[in-house]
Amino acid sequence: MNAILKESLKKRAEKTIAALEKNNMKGYLVENVEEAKKLIAELVKDDKLMTAGGSMTLAESGIQEFLRENYKGIFIDRDVTPAEEVPELMRKAFFADTYFASTNAVTENGELYNVDGNGNRVAAMIFGPKQVIIVAGLNKIVTDLDAARDRLETYASPANCIRLERKTPCAATGRCAHCNSPDRICCDYVVMAQQRVKDRIKVIFISNEYGY
């Protein structure tokens, strides 16, 4: 990422973290992936069970591989789980000490905006795991919920449908058509704002761009 752009986005991240904390979510800003790994190691040091939702950010940043290599027997990784066992793994996520995910967008008002296909990711983020660690690049920060929706409809969802080889209108045009396609991945829309359990949700911003 361009150094000047990075510094500009870090200022937005600082504002966003302050808003997250007003909403009882803990925010962090780290310079690179290595700092993120050190922070995660501290946050999960007493864990007995960890898992994760599907995330390009976790994959691209190397965080998922870090968890896979360093927490064998504790981190249950659906990417190396037989397909027939994945539904049960999704249910086990509710009993995890830590659930890892990214987010489709974070507003400067301290809200997490996510759209899901099966609903397992947003369900676990809302309830179940003792803590949820969201890893996000600075590119996920948006002004408000309108900007979050626009980001999904013109950027993230079309890109994910292309990645997943879904036969949806957005995969062909690059823009959401609010379709009724059987391949649609945008089924559950969730805004996470004020939280009852303080600091259960932790958002780690890495000073770079990751994911869609």
N, C-alpha and C. Protein backbone atom coordinates (compact mmCIF):
# COMPACT_ATOMS: atom_id res chain seq x y z
N MET A 1 0.84 -1.19 0.00
CA MET A 1 0.00 0.00 0.00
C MET A 1 0.88 1.24 0.00
N ASN A 2 0.50 2.25 -0.76
CA ASN A 2 1.20 3.52 -0.79
C ASN A 2 1.32 4.10 0.62
N ALA A 3 2.52 4.58 0.97
CA ALA A 3 2.79 5.02 2.34
C ALA A 3 1.89 6.18 2.77
N ILE A 4 1.66 7.14 1.87
CA ILE A 4 0.83 8.29 2.22
C ILE A 4 -0.62 7.85 2.42
N LEU A 5 -1.11 6.99 1.52
CA LEU A 5 -2.47 6.46 1.67
C LEU A 5 -2.61 5.69 2.97
N LYS A 6 -1.58 4.92 3.30
CA LYS A 6 -1.62 4.14 4.54
C LYS A 6 -1.77 5.05 5.75
N GLU A 7 -0.99 6.13 5.79
CA GLU A 7 -1.07 7.04 6.92
C GLU A 7 -2.45 7.68 7.01
N SER A 8 -3.03 8.00 5.88
CA SER A 8 -4.37 8.58 5.86
C SER A 8 -5.39 7.59 6.41
N LEU A 9 -5.31 6.34 5.95
CA LEU A 9 -6.25 5.33 6.40
C LEU A 9 -6.05 4.98 7.88
N LYS A 10 -4.82 5.09 8.36
CA LYS A 10 -4.57 4.83 9.79
C LYS A 10 -5.27 5.88 10.66
N LYS A 11 -5.35 7.10 10.18
CA LYS A 11 -6.09 8.13 10.91
C LYS A 11 -7.57 7.75 11.00
N ARG A 12 -8.11 7.23 9.90
CA ARG A 12 -9.51 6.78 9.91
C ARG A 12 -9.68 5.59 10.85
N ALA A 13 -8.67 4.72 10.88
CA ALA A 13 -8.74 3.55 11.77
C ALA A 13 -8.77 3.98 13.23
N GLU A 14 -8.00 4.99 13.58
CA GLU A 14 -7.98 5.48 14.96
C GLU A 14 -9.36 6.02 15.36
N LYS A 15 -9.99 6.76 14.44
CA LYS A 15 -11.34 7.27 14.70
C LYS A 15 -12.33 6.12 14.84
N THR A 16 -12.19 5.12 13.97
CA THR A 16 -13.09 3.97 13.99
C THR A 16 -12.93 3.16 15.27
N ILE A 17 -11.71 2.99 15.73
CA ILE A 17 -11.45 2.25 16.97
C ILE A 17 -12.10 2.96 18.15
N ALA A 18 -12.01 4.28 18.19
CA ALA A 18 -12.65 5.03 19.27
C ALA A 18 -14.16 4.80 19.26
N ALA A 19 -14.75 4.76 18.07
CA ALA A 19 -16.20 4.51 17.95
C ALA A 19 -16.54 3.07 18.34
N LEU A 20 -15.71 2.12 17.95
CA LEU A 20 -15.93 0.73 18.35
C LEU A 20 -15.95 0.60 19.87
N GLU A 21 -15.04 1.28 20.51
CA GLU A 21 -14.93 1.15 21.96
C GLU A 21 -16.13 1.81 22.66
N LYS A 22 -16.71 2.83 22.07
CA LYS A 22 -17.95 3.39 22.61
C LYS A 22 -19.09 2.37 22.51
N ASN A 23 -18.97 1.48 21.53
CA ASN A 23 -19.97 0.42 21.34
C ASN A 23 -19.59 -0.87 22.05
N ASN A 24 -18.64 -0.78 22.98
CA ASN A 24 -18.22 -1.94 23.81
C ASN A 24 -17.47 -3.00 23.01
N MET A 25 -16.84 -2.59 21.90
CA MET A 25 -15.96 -3.49 21.15
C MET A 25 -14.53 -2.98 21.26
N LYS A 26 -13.60 -3.89 21.42
CA LYS A 26 -12.20 -3.51 21.59
C LYS A 26 -11.53 -3.40 20.22
N GLY A 27 -10.82 -2.31 19.99
CA GLY A 27 -10.13 -2.13 18.72
C GLY A 27 -8.63 -2.03 18.88
N TYR A 28 -7.92 -2.53 17.88
CA TYR A 28 -6.45 -2.48 17.86
C TYR A 28 -6.00 -2.06 16.47
N LEU A 29 -4.89 -1.36 16.40
CA LEU A 29 -4.26 -1.03 15.13
C LEU A 29 -2.82 -1.48 15.19
N VAL A 30 -2.45 -2.42 14.31
CA VAL A 30 -1.07 -2.92 14.28
C VAL A 30 -0.45 -2.60 12.93
N GLU A 31 0.85 -2.53 12.91
CA GLU A 31 1.55 -2.10 11.70
C GLU A 31 1.64 -3.19 10.66
N ASN A 32 1.74 -4.44 11.10
CA ASN A 32 1.94 -5.53 10.13
C ASN A 32 1.41 -6.85 10.69
N VAL A 33 1.52 -7.88 9.89
CA VAL A 33 0.98 -9.19 10.26
C VAL A 33 1.71 -9.77 11.46
N GLU A 34 3.02 -9.56 11.54
CA GLU A 34 3.76 -10.11 12.67
C GLU A 34 3.27 -9.53 13.99
N GLU A 35 2.96 -8.25 14.00
CA GLU A 35 2.40 -7.65 15.21
C GLU A 35 1.03 -8.22 15.51
N ALA A 36 0.25 -8.48 14.47
CA ALA A 36 -1.07 -9.08 14.65
C ALA A 36 -0.94 -10.46 15.27
N LYS A 37 0.01 -11.25 14.81
CA LYS A 37 0.21 -12.59 15.34
C LYS A 37 0.58 -12.56 16.83
N LYS A 38 1.46 -11.62 17.21
CA LYS A 38 1.85 -11.50 18.61
C LYS A 38 0.66 -11.12 19.48
N LEU A 39 -0.17 -10.22 18.98
CA LEU A 39 -1.36 -9.82 19.71
C LEU A 39 -2.34 -10.98 19.86
N ILE A 40 -2.55 -11.70 18.78
CA ILE A 40 -3.46 -12.85 18.81
C ILE A 40 -2.96 -13.90 19.81
N ALA A 41 -1.67 -14.16 19.79
CA ALA A 41 -1.10 -15.16 20.73
C ALA A 41 -1.40 -14.79 22.17
N GLU A 42 -1.37 -13.51 22.48
CA GLU A 42 -1.67 -13.07 23.84
C GLU A 42 -3.17 -13.22 24.13
N LEU A 43 -4.00 -12.90 23.16
CA LEU A 43 -5.45 -12.94 23.38
C LEU A 43 -6.00 -14.35 23.52
N VAL A 44 -5.31 -15.35 22.94
CA VAL A 44 -5.83 -16.73 22.96
C VAL A 44 -5.01 -17.65 23.86
N LYS A 45 -4.16 -17.10 24.70
CA LYS A 45 -3.20 -17.93 25.43
C LYS A 45 -3.85 -18.97 26.34
N ASP A 46 -5.09 -18.74 26.77
CA ASP A 46 -5.76 -19.70 27.65
C ASP A 46 -6.81 -20.53 26.93
N ASP A 47 -6.87 -20.43 25.62
CA ASP A 47 -7.92 -21.11 24.85
C ASP A 47 -7.74 -22.62 24.81
N LYS A 48 -8.88 -23.30 24.74
CA LYS A 48 -8.90 -24.75 24.54
C LYS A 48 -9.52 -25.13 23.20
N LEU A 49 -10.28 -24.21 22.59
CA LEU A 49 -10.93 -24.48 21.32
C LEU A 49 -11.07 -23.18 20.53
N MET A 50 -10.59 -23.22 19.28
CA MET A 50 -10.69 -22.07 18.39
C MET A 50 -11.14 -22.55 17.02
N THR A 51 -11.88 -21.70 16.33
CA THR A 51 -12.25 -22.00 14.95
C THR A 51 -12.43 -20.69 14.21
N ALA A 52 -12.81 -20.78 12.95
CA ALA A 52 -12.89 -19.56 12.13
C ALA A 52 -13.97 -19.69 11.07
N GLY A 53 -14.48 -18.55 10.66
CA GLY A 53 -15.38 -18.50 9.52
C GLY A 53 -14.58 -18.33 8.25
N GLY A 54 -15.23 -18.50 7.11
CA GLY A 54 -14.55 -18.31 5.85
C GLY A 54 -14.08 -16.88 5.70
N SER A 55 -12.83 -16.68 5.30
CA SER A 55 -12.29 -15.32 5.24
C SER A 55 -11.09 -15.25 4.31
N MET A 56 -11.19 -14.42 3.28
CA MET A 56 -10.03 -14.16 2.43
C MET A 56 -8.96 -13.39 3.19
N THR A 57 -9.38 -12.53 4.13
CA THR A 57 -8.41 -11.76 4.91
C THR A 57 -7.53 -12.68 5.75
N LEU A 58 -8.14 -13.64 6.43
CA LEU A 58 -7.35 -14.57 7.25
C LEU A 58 -6.40 -15.37 6.38
N ALA A 59 -6.84 -15.74 5.18
CA ALA A 59 -5.99 -16.52 4.28
C ALA A 59 -4.86 -15.66 3.70
N GLU A 60 -5.19 -14.49 3.17
CA GLU A 60 -4.20 -13.62 2.52
C GLU A 60 -3.14 -13.11 3.49
N SER A 61 -3.55 -12.82 4.71
CA SER A 61 -2.62 -12.28 5.69
C SER A 61 -1.71 -13.34 6.29
N GLY A 62 -2.08 -14.60 6.14
CA GLY A 62 -1.31 -15.68 6.74
C GLY A 62 -1.74 -16.00 8.17
N ILE A 63 -2.76 -15.30 8.67
CA ILE A 63 -3.23 -15.56 10.03
C ILE A 63 -3.79 -16.97 10.15
N GLN A 64 -4.54 -17.41 9.14
CA GLN A 64 -5.11 -18.75 9.20
C GLN A 64 -4.03 -19.82 9.25
N GLU A 65 -2.99 -19.65 8.46
CA GLU A 65 -1.88 -20.61 8.47
C GLU A 65 -1.15 -20.56 9.81
N PHE A 66 -1.01 -19.38 10.36
CA PHE A 66 -0.39 -19.21 11.68
C PHE A 66 -1.16 -20.00 12.75
N LEU A 67 -2.47 -19.90 12.72
CA LEU A 67 -3.31 -20.63 13.68
C LEU A 67 -3.21 -22.13 13.45
N ARG A 68 -3.21 -22.53 12.19
CA ARG A 68 -3.14 -23.94 11.83
C ARG A 68 -1.83 -24.57 12.31
N GLU A 69 -0.74 -23.84 12.18
CA GLU A 69 0.57 -24.38 12.53
C GLU A 69 0.86 -24.34 14.03
N ASN A 70 0.36 -23.31 14.70
CA ASN A 70 0.75 -23.09 16.09
C ASN A 70 -0.26 -23.59 17.12
N TYR A 71 -1.46 -23.96 16.67
CA TYR A 71 -2.49 -24.37 17.61
C TYR A 71 -3.13 -25.68 17.17
N LYS A 72 -2.27 -26.62 16.83
CA LYS A 72 -2.74 -27.95 16.43
C LYS A 72 -3.52 -28.60 17.57
N GLY A 73 -4.67 -29.15 17.23
CA GLY A 73 -5.51 -29.78 18.24
C GLY A 73 -6.44 -28.81 18.95
N ILE A 74 -6.18 -27.53 18.80
CA ILE A 74 -7.01 -26.49 19.42
C ILE A 74 -7.79 -25.73 18.35
N PHE A 75 -7.09 -25.40 17.26
CA PHE A 75 -7.73 -24.69 16.16
C PHE A 75 -8.34 -25.68 15.19
N ILE A 76 -9.65 -25.64 15.06
CA ILE A 76 -10.36 -26.51 14.12
C ILE A 76 -10.54 -25.74 12.82
N ASP A 77 -9.93 -26.22 11.77
CA ASP A 77 -9.85 -25.49 10.50
C ASP A 77 -10.78 -26.14 9.48
N ARG A 78 -11.80 -25.42 9.08
CA ARG A 78 -12.76 -26.01 8.15
C ARG A 78 -12.17 -26.22 6.76
N ASP A 79 -11.09 -25.49 6.44
CA ASP A 79 -10.49 -25.63 5.11
C ASP A 79 -9.80 -26.98 4.93
N VAL A 80 -9.48 -27.65 6.03
CA VAL A 80 -8.87 -28.98 5.93
C VAL A 80 -9.78 -30.04 6.55
N THR A 81 -11.04 -29.68 6.71
CA THR A 81 -12.03 -30.60 7.25
C THR A 81 -12.82 -31.22 6.10
N PRO A 82 -13.05 -32.54 6.10
CA PRO A 82 -13.85 -33.16 5.04
C PRO A 82 -15.20 -32.46 4.90
N ALA A 83 -15.65 -32.30 3.66
CA ALA A 83 -16.86 -31.52 3.38
C ALA A 83 -18.07 -32.00 4.18
N GLU A 84 -18.18 -33.32 4.35
CA GLU A 84 -19.35 -33.85 5.05
C GLU A 84 -19.34 -33.50 6.54
N GLU A 85 -18.16 -33.11 7.08
CA GLU A 85 -18.06 -32.77 8.49
C GLU A 85 -18.18 -31.27 8.77
N VAL A 86 -18.18 -30.47 7.71
CA VAL A 86 -18.20 -29.01 7.88
C VAL A 86 -19.45 -28.51 8.59
N PRO A 87 -20.66 -29.01 8.26
CA PRO A 87 -21.85 -28.51 8.98
C PRO A 87 -21.75 -28.69 10.50
N GLU A 88 -21.22 -29.82 10.94
CA GLU A 88 -21.07 -30.05 12.38
C GLU A 88 -20.01 -29.12 12.96
N LEU A 89 -18.94 -28.85 12.18
CA LEU A 89 -17.91 -27.92 12.62
C LEU A 89 -18.51 -26.52 12.81
N MET A 90 -19.38 -26.12 11.90
CA MET A 90 -20.03 -24.82 12.01
C MET A 90 -20.81 -24.71 13.32
N ARG A 91 -21.44 -25.80 13.73
CA ARG A 91 -22.19 -25.79 14.99
C ARG A 91 -21.25 -25.74 16.20
N LYS A 92 -20.12 -26.43 16.10
CA LYS A 92 -19.16 -26.43 17.20
C LYS A 92 -18.60 -25.04 17.47
N ALA A 93 -18.65 -24.17 16.46
CA ALA A 93 -18.13 -22.82 16.62
C ALA A 93 -18.79 -22.09 17.78
N PHE A 94 -20.04 -22.41 18.07
CA PHE A 94 -20.76 -21.73 19.14
C PHE A 94 -20.16 -22.01 20.51
N PHE A 95 -19.37 -23.08 20.62
CA PHE A 95 -18.78 -23.45 21.90
C PHE A 95 -17.29 -23.12 21.97
N ALA A 96 -16.79 -22.40 20.98
CA ALA A 96 -15.37 -22.07 20.92
C ALA A 96 -15.01 -20.99 21.94
N ASP A 97 -13.77 -21.04 22.41
CA ASP A 97 -13.26 -19.94 23.22
C ASP A 97 -13.07 -18.70 22.35
N THR A 98 -12.55 -18.92 21.13
CA THR A 98 -12.34 -17.81 20.20
C THR A 98 -12.80 -18.18 18.82
N TYR A 99 -13.52 -17.27 18.21
CA TYR A 99 -13.96 -17.42 16.81
C TYR A 99 -13.29 -16.33 16.01
N PHE A 100 -12.59 -16.73 14.95
CA PHE A 100 -11.90 -15.78 14.08
C PHE A 100 -12.71 -15.54 12.82
N ALA A 101 -12.73 -14.31 12.38
CA ALA A 101 -13.40 -13.96 11.14
C ALA A 101 -12.85 -12.63 10.67
N SER A 102 -13.29 -12.21 9.49
CA SER A 102 -13.09 -10.82 9.11
C SER A 102 -14.47 -10.19 9.06
N THR A 103 -14.57 -9.03 8.49
CA THR A 103 -15.84 -8.34 8.37
C THR A 103 -15.93 -7.73 6.99
N ASN A 104 -17.12 -7.62 6.48
CA ASN A 104 -17.27 -7.04 5.15
C ASN A 104 -17.02 -5.53 5.16
N ALA A 105 -17.36 -4.89 6.27
CA ALA A 105 -17.11 -3.45 6.40
C ALA A 105 -17.18 -3.05 7.86
N VAL A 106 -16.44 -2.01 8.21
CA VAL A 106 -16.50 -1.39 9.54
C VAL A 106 -16.77 0.09 9.32
N THR A 107 -17.81 0.60 9.94
CA THR A 107 -18.11 2.02 9.75
C THR A 107 -17.33 2.87 10.75
N GLU A 108 -17.17 4.14 10.41
CA GLU A 108 -16.51 5.07 11.32
C GLU A 108 -17.35 5.36 12.55
N ASN A 109 -18.59 4.87 12.55
CA ASN A 109 -19.45 4.98 13.72
C ASN A 109 -19.32 3.77 14.64
N GLY A 110 -18.39 2.86 14.30
CA GLY A 110 -18.15 1.70 15.16
C GLY A 110 -19.13 0.57 14.99
N GLU A 111 -19.59 0.36 13.75
CA GLU A 111 -20.52 -0.73 13.45
C GLU A 111 -19.84 -1.74 12.52
N LEU A 112 -20.13 -3.01 12.73
CA LEU A 112 -19.67 -4.06 11.83
C LEU A 112 -20.82 -4.42 10.91
N TYR A 113 -20.56 -4.45 9.62
CA TYR A 113 -21.60 -4.78 8.64
C TYR A 113 -21.18 -6.03 7.90
N ASN A 114 -22.05 -7.04 7.92
CA ASN A 114 -21.72 -8.31 7.28
C ASN A 114 -22.91 -8.91 6.56
N VAL A 115 -22.62 -9.54 5.44
CA VAL A 115 -23.61 -10.25 4.67
C VAL A 115 -23.12 -11.68 4.50
N ASP A 116 -24.01 -12.65 4.76
CA ASP A 116 -23.60 -14.05 4.79
C ASP A 116 -24.53 -14.90 3.93
N GLY A 117 -24.01 -16.04 3.51
CA GLY A 117 -24.80 -16.97 2.72
C GLY A 117 -25.51 -17.98 3.60
N ASN A 118 -24.73 -18.80 4.33
CA ASN A 118 -25.32 -19.80 5.23
C ASN A 118 -25.77 -19.19 6.56
N GLY A 119 -25.15 -18.08 6.93
CA GLY A 119 -25.48 -17.44 8.21
C GLY A 119 -24.63 -17.92 9.37
N ASN A 120 -23.80 -18.95 9.15
CA ASN A 120 -23.01 -19.48 10.27
C ASN A 120 -22.00 -18.47 10.79
N ARG A 121 -21.39 -17.71 9.89
CA ARG A 121 -20.37 -16.74 10.31
C ARG A 121 -21.00 -15.63 11.16
N VAL A 122 -22.05 -15.02 10.67
CA VAL A 122 -22.65 -13.92 11.43
C VAL A 122 -23.31 -14.43 12.71
N ALA A 123 -23.84 -15.65 12.68
CA ALA A 123 -24.45 -16.22 13.88
C ALA A 123 -23.43 -16.37 14.99
N ALA A 124 -22.25 -16.89 14.66
CA ALA A 124 -21.20 -17.07 15.67
C ALA A 124 -20.63 -15.74 16.14
N MET A 125 -20.60 -14.77 15.25
CA MET A 125 -20.13 -13.45 15.66
C MET A 125 -21.08 -12.84 16.69
N ILE A 126 -22.37 -13.08 16.51
CA ILE A 126 -23.38 -12.49 17.39
C ILE A 126 -23.43 -13.19 18.75
N PHE A 127 -23.37 -14.54 18.75
CA PHE A 127 -23.62 -15.27 19.99
C PHE A 127 -22.89 -16.61 19.99
N GLY A 128 -22.39 -17.00 21.15
CA GLY A 128 -21.80 -18.33 21.30
C GLY A 128 -20.37 -18.29 21.78
N PRO A 129 -19.40 -18.07 20.89
CA PRO A 129 -18.01 -18.07 21.30
C PRO A 129 -17.74 -17.04 22.40
N LYS A 130 -16.80 -17.37 23.29
CA LYS A 130 -16.48 -16.45 24.39
C LYS A 130 -15.92 -15.13 23.87
N GLN A 131 -15.09 -15.20 22.83
CA GLN A 131 -14.63 -13.97 22.21
C GLN A 131 -14.57 -14.16 20.69
N VAL A 132 -14.72 -13.06 20.00
CA VAL A 132 -14.64 -13.04 18.54
C VAL A 132 -13.53 -12.09 18.15
N ILE A 133 -12.57 -12.59 17.38
CA ILE A 133 -11.48 -11.75 16.90
C ILE A 133 -11.67 -11.51 15.41
N ILE A 134 -11.92 -10.25 15.09
CA ILE A 134 -12.08 -9.83 13.70
C ILE A 134 -10.75 -9.28 13.22
N VAL A 135 -10.24 -9.80 12.12
CA VAL A 135 -9.02 -9.29 11.51
C VAL A 135 -9.41 -8.58 10.23
N ALA A 136 -8.97 -7.34 10.07
CA ALA A 136 -9.39 -6.56 8.91
C ALA A 136 -8.26 -5.67 8.41
N GLY A 137 -8.24 -5.49 7.10
CA GLY A 137 -7.34 -4.51 6.51
C GLY A 137 -7.97 -3.13 6.59
N LEU A 138 -7.16 -2.10 6.35
CA LEU A 138 -7.67 -0.73 6.40
C LEU A 138 -8.69 -0.47 5.30
N ASN A 139 -8.67 -1.30 4.26
CA ASN A 139 -9.63 -1.15 3.16
C ASN A 139 -11.07 -1.47 3.56
N LYS A 140 -11.27 -2.05 4.74
CA LYS A 140 -12.63 -2.40 5.18
C LYS A 140 -13.34 -1.23 5.87
N ILE A 141 -12.64 -0.14 6.11
CA ILE A 141 -13.24 1.00 6.81
C ILE A 141 -14.07 1.84 5.83
N VAL A 142 -15.32 2.12 6.22
CA VAL A 142 -16.20 2.96 5.40
C VAL A 142 -16.84 4.02 6.29
N THR A 143 -17.44 5.02 5.66
CA THR A 143 -17.99 6.14 6.41
C THR A 143 -19.18 5.75 7.27
N ASP A 144 -20.17 5.08 6.66
CA ASP A 144 -21.40 4.78 7.37
C ASP A 144 -22.05 3.53 6.77
N LEU A 145 -23.24 3.20 7.22
CA LEU A 145 -23.90 1.98 6.76
C LEU A 145 -24.27 2.04 5.29
N ASP A 146 -24.61 3.22 4.78
CA ASP A 146 -24.89 3.34 3.35
C ASP A 146 -23.65 3.00 2.53
N ALA A 147 -22.50 3.47 2.99
CA ALA A 147 -21.24 3.17 2.30
C ALA A 147 -20.89 1.70 2.43
N ALA A 148 -21.25 1.10 3.57
CA ALA A 148 -21.00 -0.33 3.78
C ALA A 148 -21.81 -1.15 2.78
N ARG A 149 -23.08 -0.81 2.61
CA ARG A 149 -23.92 -1.52 1.65
C ARG A 149 -23.38 -1.36 0.24
N ASP A 150 -22.97 -0.15 -0.09
CA ASP A 150 -22.43 0.10 -1.43
C ASP A 150 -21.15 -0.70 -1.66
N ARG A 151 -20.32 -0.80 -0.63
CA ARG A 151 -19.09 -1.57 -0.74
C ARG A 151 -19.39 -3.03 -1.05
N LEU A 152 -20.40 -3.57 -0.37
CA LEU A 152 -20.78 -4.96 -0.61
C LEU A 152 -21.30 -5.14 -2.03
N GLU A 153 -22.18 -4.25 -2.44
CA GLU A 153 -22.89 -4.46 -3.70
C GLU A 153 -22.04 -4.19 -4.94
N THR A 154 -21.02 -3.36 -4.81
CA THR A 154 -20.22 -3.00 -5.98
C THR A 154 -18.80 -3.56 -5.95
N TYR A 155 -18.45 -4.22 -4.85
CA TYR A 155 -17.06 -4.67 -4.73
C TYR A 155 -16.96 -6.08 -4.14
N ALA A 156 -17.35 -6.23 -2.87
CA ALA A 156 -17.08 -7.48 -2.17
C ALA A 156 -17.90 -8.65 -2.68
N SER A 157 -19.20 -8.46 -2.80
CA SER A 157 -20.06 -9.59 -3.20
C SER A 157 -19.79 -10.05 -4.63
N PRO A 158 -19.68 -9.13 -5.61
CA PRO A 158 -19.33 -9.59 -6.96
C PRO A 158 -17.99 -10.34 -6.99
N ALA A 159 -17.00 -9.82 -6.27
CA ALA A 159 -15.69 -10.48 -6.25
C ALA A 159 -15.78 -11.87 -5.64
N ASN A 160 -16.52 -12.01 -4.55
CA ASN A 160 -16.67 -13.32 -3.92
C ASN A 160 -17.43 -14.30 -4.80
N CYS A 161 -18.43 -13.81 -5.53
CA CYS A 161 -19.16 -14.71 -6.43
C CYS A 161 -18.27 -15.19 -7.57
N ILE A 162 -17.41 -14.32 -8.07
CA ILE A 162 -16.46 -14.74 -9.10
C ILE A 162 -15.49 -15.77 -8.53
N ARG A 163 -14.97 -15.49 -7.32
CA ARG A 163 -14.03 -16.42 -6.66
C ARG A 163 -14.66 -17.79 -6.45
N LEU A 164 -15.92 -17.80 -6.05
CA LEU A 164 -16.60 -19.05 -5.73
C LEU A 164 -17.28 -19.68 -6.94
N GLU A 165 -17.10 -19.05 -8.11
CA GLU A 165 -17.68 -19.54 -9.38
C GLU A 165 -19.19 -19.68 -9.28
N ARG A 166 -19.83 -18.68 -8.69
CA ARG A 166 -21.28 -18.66 -8.59
C ARG A 166 -21.88 -18.03 -9.84
N LYS A 167 -22.96 -18.59 -10.28
CA LYS A 167 -23.65 -18.07 -11.48
C LYS A 167 -24.70 -17.05 -11.05
N THR A 168 -24.23 -15.89 -10.69
CA THR A 168 -25.10 -14.80 -10.24
C THR A 168 -24.94 -13.61 -11.18
N PRO A 169 -25.94 -12.73 -11.24
CA PRO A 169 -25.81 -11.54 -12.07
C PRO A 169 -24.59 -10.69 -11.73
N CYS A 170 -24.29 -10.57 -10.42
CA CYS A 170 -23.16 -9.71 -10.04
C CYS A 170 -21.82 -10.26 -10.52
N ALA A 171 -21.73 -11.58 -10.67
CA ALA A 171 -20.49 -12.18 -11.19
C ALA A 171 -20.28 -11.81 -12.65
N ALA A 172 -21.38 -11.54 -13.34
CA ALA A 172 -21.30 -11.18 -14.76
C ALA A 172 -21.15 -9.68 -14.98
N THR A 173 -21.75 -8.88 -14.06
CA THR A 173 -21.78 -7.43 -14.28
C THR A 173 -20.90 -6.64 -13.33
N GLY A 174 -20.52 -7.24 -12.18
CA GLY A 174 -19.74 -6.52 -11.19
C GLY A 174 -20.58 -5.67 -10.25
N ARG A 175 -21.90 -5.82 -10.28
CA ARG A 175 -22.77 -5.04 -9.41
C ARG A 175 -23.96 -5.90 -8.97
N CYS A 176 -24.34 -5.76 -7.71
CA CYS A 176 -25.47 -6.51 -7.17
C CYS A 176 -26.76 -6.19 -7.92
N ALA A 177 -27.54 -7.23 -8.19
CA ALA A 177 -28.83 -7.06 -8.85
C ALA A 177 -29.98 -7.45 -7.92
N HIS A 178 -29.66 -7.68 -6.63
CA HIS A 178 -30.68 -8.13 -5.67
C HIS A 178 -31.44 -9.32 -6.25
N CYS A 179 -30.68 -10.30 -6.68
CA CYS A 179 -31.21 -11.41 -7.48
C CYS A 179 -31.92 -12.47 -6.64
N ASN A 180 -32.57 -13.35 -7.33
CA ASN A 180 -33.17 -14.55 -6.73
C ASN A 180 -32.45 -15.81 -7.20
N SER A 181 -31.20 -15.66 -7.58
CA SER A 181 -30.43 -16.77 -8.10
C SER A 181 -30.24 -17.85 -7.04
N PRO A 182 -30.31 -19.13 -7.43
CA PRO A 182 -30.03 -20.21 -6.47
C PRO A 182 -28.58 -20.18 -5.98
N ASP A 183 -27.70 -19.47 -6.70
CA ASP A 183 -26.30 -19.35 -6.31
C ASP A 183 -26.03 -18.12 -5.45
N ARG A 184 -27.06 -17.38 -5.12
CA ARG A 184 -26.90 -16.14 -4.35
C ARG A 184 -26.16 -16.41 -3.04
N ILE A 185 -25.19 -15.55 -2.70
CA ILE A 185 -24.45 -15.69 -1.44
C ILE A 185 -24.84 -14.63 -0.42
N CYS A 186 -25.66 -13.66 -0.81
CA CYS A 186 -26.07 -12.58 0.08
C CYS A 186 -27.47 -12.88 0.62
N CYS A 187 -27.53 -13.55 1.76
CA CYS A 187 -28.81 -13.99 2.31
C CYS A 187 -29.13 -13.36 3.66
N ASP A 188 -28.13 -13.17 4.49
CA ASP A 188 -28.35 -12.65 5.84
C ASP A 188 -27.55 -11.37 6.03
N TYR A 189 -28.24 -10.29 6.29
CA TYR A 189 -27.62 -8.97 6.45
C TYR A 189 -27.62 -8.61 7.94
N VAL A 190 -26.44 -8.36 8.50
CA VAL A 190 -26.33 -8.13 9.94
C VAL A 190 -25.51 -6.89 10.24
N VAL A 191 -26.06 -6.03 11.08
CA VAL A 191 -25.33 -4.87 11.60
C VAL A 191 -25.07 -5.12 13.08
N MET A 192 -23.81 -5.08 13.47
CA MET A 192 -23.45 -5.22 14.88
C MET A 192 -23.03 -3.85 15.39
N ALA A 193 -23.80 -3.33 16.32
CA ALA A 193 -23.53 -2.00 16.88
C ALA A 193 -23.22 -2.14 18.36
N GLN A 194 -23.95 -1.48 19.22
CA GLN A 194 -23.71 -1.58 20.67
C GLN A 194 -23.76 -3.03 21.13
N GLN A 195 -22.74 -3.44 21.89
CA GLN A 195 -22.65 -4.81 22.38
C GLN A 195 -22.89 -4.87 23.88
N ARG A 196 -23.59 -5.91 24.34
CA ARG A 196 -23.85 -6.05 25.77
C ARG A 196 -22.64 -6.54 26.53
N VAL A 197 -21.88 -7.48 25.93
CA VAL A 197 -20.70 -8.03 26.61
C VAL A 197 -19.48 -7.23 26.16
N LYS A 198 -19.00 -6.39 27.04
CA LYS A 198 -17.90 -5.49 26.72
C LYS A 198 -16.65 -6.26 26.30
N ASP A 199 -16.07 -5.88 25.18
CA ASP A 199 -14.81 -6.40 24.65
C ASP A 199 -14.87 -7.86 24.21
N ARG A 200 -16.06 -8.45 24.15
CA ARG A 200 -16.16 -9.79 23.56
C ARG A 200 -15.73 -9.74 22.10
N ILE A 201 -16.14 -8.70 21.40
CA ILE A 201 -15.73 -8.50 20.01
C ILE A 201 -14.45 -7.69 20.00
N LYS A 202 -13.44 -8.22 19.35
CA LYS A 202 -12.15 -7.53 19.23
C LYS A 202 -11.83 -7.38 17.74
N VAL A 203 -11.52 -6.17 17.33
CA VAL A 203 -11.22 -5.89 15.93
C VAL A 203 -9.76 -5.48 15.80
N ILE A 204 -9.00 -6.27 15.05
CA ILE A 204 -7.59 -5.97 14.82
C ILE A 204 -7.44 -5.45 13.40
N PHE A 205 -7.08 -4.17 13.28
CA PHE A 205 -6.79 -3.59 11.97
C PHE A 205 -5.30 -3.76 11.67
N ILE A 206 -5.01 -4.36 10.54
CA ILE A 206 -3.63 -4.46 10.07
C ILE A 206 -3.43 -3.37 9.03
N SER A 207 -2.34 -2.63 9.12
CA SER A 207 -2.10 -1.47 8.27
C SER A 207 -1.72 -1.86 6.85
N ASN A 208 -2.69 -2.46 6.16
CA ASN A 208 -2.51 -2.83 4.76
C ASN A 208 -3.89 -3.17 4.22
N GLU A 209 -3.96 -3.66 2.99
CA GLU A 209 -5.22 -4.07 2.39
C GLU A 209 -5.30 -5.60 2.36
N TYR A 210 -6.42 -6.14 2.81
CA TYR A 210 -6.63 -7.58 2.78
C TYR A 210 -8.08 -7.90 2.46
N GLY A 211 -8.28 -8.93 1.71
CA GLY A 211 -9.61 -9.44 1.44
C GLY A 211 -10.45 -8.52 0.56
N TYR A 212 -11.72 -8.91 0.44
CA TYR A 212 -12.66 -8.13 -0.36
C TYR A 212 -13.54 -7.27 0.53
